Amino acid sequence: ASCSLPAAAGLYYLAELIEEYTVVTRRIIKYMIW
């Protein structure tokens, strides 16, 4: 139970990072297409 909190925090941080990366990548692709 002591290591579940940092694991959840790391997973949440990773999800936020991936979401931000996909948004930036989609913006770049849209900019390249137009």
N, C-alpha and C. Protein backbone atom coordinates (compact mmCIF):
# COMPACT_ATOMS: atom_id res chain seq x y z
N ALA A 1 0.84 -1.20 0.00
CA ALA A 1 0.00 0.00 0.00
C ALA A 1 0.87 1.26 0.00
N SER A 2 2.09 1.12 0.47
CA SER A 2 2.97 2.29 0.57
C SER A 2 3.50 2.72 -0.79
N CYS A 3 3.59 1.79 -1.74
CA CYS A 3 4.17 2.12 -3.05
C CYS A 3 3.09 2.35 -4.10
N SER A 4 1.81 2.23 -3.72
CA SER A 4 0.75 2.40 -4.71
C SER A 4 0.53 3.87 -5.05
N LEU A 5 0.77 4.76 -4.08
CA LEU A 5 0.57 6.19 -4.33
C LEU A 5 1.59 6.75 -5.32
N PRO A 6 2.89 6.52 -5.15
CA PRO A 6 3.85 7.01 -6.16
C PRO A 6 3.63 6.39 -7.53
N ALA A 7 3.20 5.13 -7.56
CA ALA A 7 2.95 4.47 -8.85
C ALA A 7 1.79 5.15 -9.56
N ALA A 8 0.73 5.46 -8.81
CA ALA A 8 -0.43 6.13 -9.41
C ALA A 8 -0.06 7.54 -9.86
N ALA A 9 0.77 8.22 -9.06
CA ALA A 9 1.20 9.57 -9.42
C ALA A 9 2.04 9.54 -10.69
N GLY A 10 2.94 8.56 -10.79
CA GLY A 10 3.77 8.43 -11.98
C GLY A 10 2.95 8.09 -13.21
N LEU A 11 1.95 7.24 -13.02
CA LEU A 11 1.10 6.86 -14.14
C LEU A 11 0.28 8.06 -14.61
N TYR A 12 -0.22 8.85 -13.66
CA TYR A 12 -0.99 10.05 -14.00
C TYR A 12 -0.11 11.06 -14.74
N TYR A 13 1.13 11.21 -14.27
CA TYR A 13 2.06 12.14 -14.91
C TYR A 13 2.38 11.68 -16.32
N LEU A 14 2.54 10.37 -16.50
CA LEU A 14 2.85 9.81 -17.81
C LEU A 14 1.67 10.03 -18.76
N ALA A 15 0.45 9.85 -18.25
CA ALA A 15 -0.74 10.05 -19.08
C ALA A 15 -0.86 11.51 -19.51
N GLU A 16 -0.57 12.43 -18.59
CA GLU A 16 -0.61 13.86 -18.91
C GLU A 16 0.42 14.19 -19.98
N LEU A 17 1.62 13.61 -19.85
CA LEU A 17 2.69 13.87 -20.79
C LEU A 17 2.33 13.35 -22.18
N ILE A 18 1.75 12.14 -22.23
CA ILE A 18 1.37 11.55 -23.51
C ILE A 18 0.26 12.37 -24.17
N GLU A 19 -0.70 12.82 -23.36
CA GLU A 19 -1.80 13.62 -23.91
C GLU A 19 -1.28 14.93 -24.49
N GLU A 20 -0.37 15.57 -23.77
CA GLU A 20 0.18 16.83 -24.25
C GLU A 20 0.99 16.60 -25.52
N TYR A 21 1.72 15.48 -25.57
CA TYR A 21 2.54 15.17 -26.75
C TYR A 21 1.66 14.92 -27.97
N THR A 22 0.54 14.20 -27.77
CA THR A 22 -0.35 13.92 -28.90
C THR A 22 -1.02 15.20 -29.40
N VAL A 23 -1.35 16.11 -28.49
CA VAL A 23 -1.96 17.38 -28.91
C VAL A 23 -0.98 18.19 -29.74
N VAL A 24 0.27 18.25 -29.28
CA VAL A 24 1.30 19.00 -30.02
C VAL A 24 1.56 18.35 -31.37
N THR A 25 1.63 17.02 -31.40
CA THR A 25 1.88 16.31 -32.65
C THR A 25 0.74 16.53 -33.64
N ARG A 26 -0.50 16.49 -33.13
CA ARG A 26 -1.66 16.71 -34.00
C ARG A 26 -1.64 18.13 -34.57
N ARG A 27 -1.22 19.10 -33.74
CA ARG A 27 -1.15 20.49 -34.19
C ARG A 27 -0.09 20.63 -35.28
N ILE A 28 1.04 19.95 -35.10
CA ILE A 28 2.12 20.02 -36.10
C ILE A 28 1.67 19.37 -37.41
N ILE A 29 0.98 18.23 -37.30
CA ILE A 29 0.50 17.55 -38.51
C ILE A 29 -0.52 18.42 -39.24
N LYS A 30 -1.41 19.03 -38.47
CA LYS A 30 -2.42 19.90 -39.08
C LYS A 30 -1.75 21.09 -39.76
N TYR A 31 -0.69 21.61 -39.14
CA TYR A 31 0.03 22.75 -39.71
C TYR A 31 0.75 22.34 -40.99
N MET A 32 1.27 21.11 -41.02
CA MET A 32 1.99 20.64 -42.21
C MET A 32 1.03 20.35 -43.36
N ILE A 33 -0.17 19.86 -43.03
CA ILE A 33 -1.15 19.55 -44.08
C ILE A 33 -1.65 20.84 -44.73
N TRP A 34 -1.97 21.84 -43.90
CA TRP A 34 -2.53 23.07 -44.45
C TRP A 34 -1.44 23.93 -45.03
